[in-house]
Amino acid sequence: VLSRPHKIKTFDCDVRLIGEKELEGYTEVVFLAGISNDPFGDLTSEKIYDPTRDYALRIASICKKMGIKFI
């Protein structure tokens, strides 16, 4: 090993509650949140994809405003 791996700062939270305060100090955000559909459940595409898309767009907008790379 030529060097030690970098420590990565992470946190878990409800994506509906993420704001600028929670993203302070970060240089990149990797968005992994999503709702999985149960094929036997009664979740419609509106209940699955719309909220996930909306949260991703909102967090991406915050990242853009703060100069944070959003992945």
Protein backbone atom coordinates (compact mmCIF):
# COMPACT_ATOMS: atom_id res chain seq x y z
CA VAL A 1 0.00 0.00 0.00
CA LEU A 2 1.50 3.29 -1.09
CA SER A 3 -0.88 5.46 0.91
CA ARG A 4 -3.72 5.18 3.35
CA PRO A 5 -7.25 5.60 1.97
CA HIS A 6 -8.96 8.93 2.56
CA LYS A 7 -11.53 9.06 5.31
CA ILE A 8 -14.98 9.67 3.86
CA LYS A 9 -17.46 11.74 5.86
CA THR A 10 -20.94 10.25 5.63
CA PHE A 11 -24.31 10.60 7.30
CA ASP A 12 -27.72 8.99 7.12
CA CYS A 13 -30.83 11.09 7.22
CA ASP A 14 -34.30 11.56 5.83
CA VAL A 15 -33.82 13.16 2.39
CA ARG A 16 -36.91 15.28 2.97
CA LEU A 17 -35.04 17.13 5.72
CA ILE A 18 -31.72 17.86 3.97
CA GLY A 19 -30.88 21.54 3.64
CA GLU A 20 -27.82 23.74 3.29
CA LYS A 21 -26.92 23.29 6.96
CA GLU A 22 -26.60 19.50 6.56
CA LEU A 23 -24.40 19.85 3.47
CA GLU A 24 -21.92 22.36 4.90
CA GLY A 25 -18.36 21.07 4.72
CA TYR A 26 -18.98 18.58 1.91
CA THR A 27 -17.38 18.83 -1.53
CA GLU A 28 -19.35 15.99 -3.13
CA VAL A 29 -22.76 14.41 -2.57
CA VAL A 30 -23.60 10.91 -3.82
CA PHE A 31 -27.38 10.57 -3.83
CA LEU A 32 -28.40 6.96 -3.17
CA ALA A 33 -31.88 7.49 -1.78
CA GLY A 34 -34.83 5.84 -3.42
CA ILE A 35 -38.02 3.92 -2.79
CA SER A 36 -38.08 0.31 -3.89
CA ASN A 37 -41.30 -1.06 -5.30
CA ASP A 38 -42.76 -4.25 -3.92
CA PRO A 39 -44.40 -6.04 -6.88
CA PHE A 40 -47.06 -7.38 -4.52
CA GLY A 41 -47.68 -4.00 -2.90
CA ASP A 42 -49.99 -1.22 -3.99
CA LEU A 43 -47.34 1.42 -4.69
CA THR A 44 -48.00 3.37 -7.87
CA SER A 45 -45.30 4.99 -9.97
CA GLU A 46 -46.40 8.38 -8.62
CA LYS A 47 -45.72 7.19 -5.08
CA ILE A 48 -42.33 5.76 -6.05
CA TYR A 49 -40.68 7.83 -8.74
CA ASP A 50 -42.13 11.31 -8.24
CA PRO A 51 -40.94 11.81 -4.64
CA THR A 52 -37.51 10.33 -5.37
CA ARG A 53 -37.12 12.59 -8.41
CA ASP A 54 -38.30 15.63 -6.45
CA TYR A 55 -35.86 14.99 -3.58
CA ALA A 56 -32.97 14.44 -5.98
CA LEU A 57 -33.72 17.67 -7.85
CA ARG A 58 -34.05 19.68 -4.64
CA ILE A 59 -30.78 18.37 -3.22
CA ALA A 60 -29.02 18.85 -6.57
CA SER A 61 -30.21 22.47 -6.60
CA ILE A 62 -28.87 23.03 -3.09
CA CYS A 63 -25.54 21.46 -4.11
CA LYS A 64 -25.32 23.66 -7.19
CA LYS A 65 -26.01 26.77 -5.11
CA MET A 66 -23.29 25.74 -2.63
CA GLY A 67 -20.74 24.66 -5.27
CA ILE A 68 -20.91 21.00 -4.24
CA LYS A 69 -20.45 18.26 -6.85
CA PHE A 70 -23.66 16.19 -7.04
CA ILE A 71 -23.51 12.57 -8.21
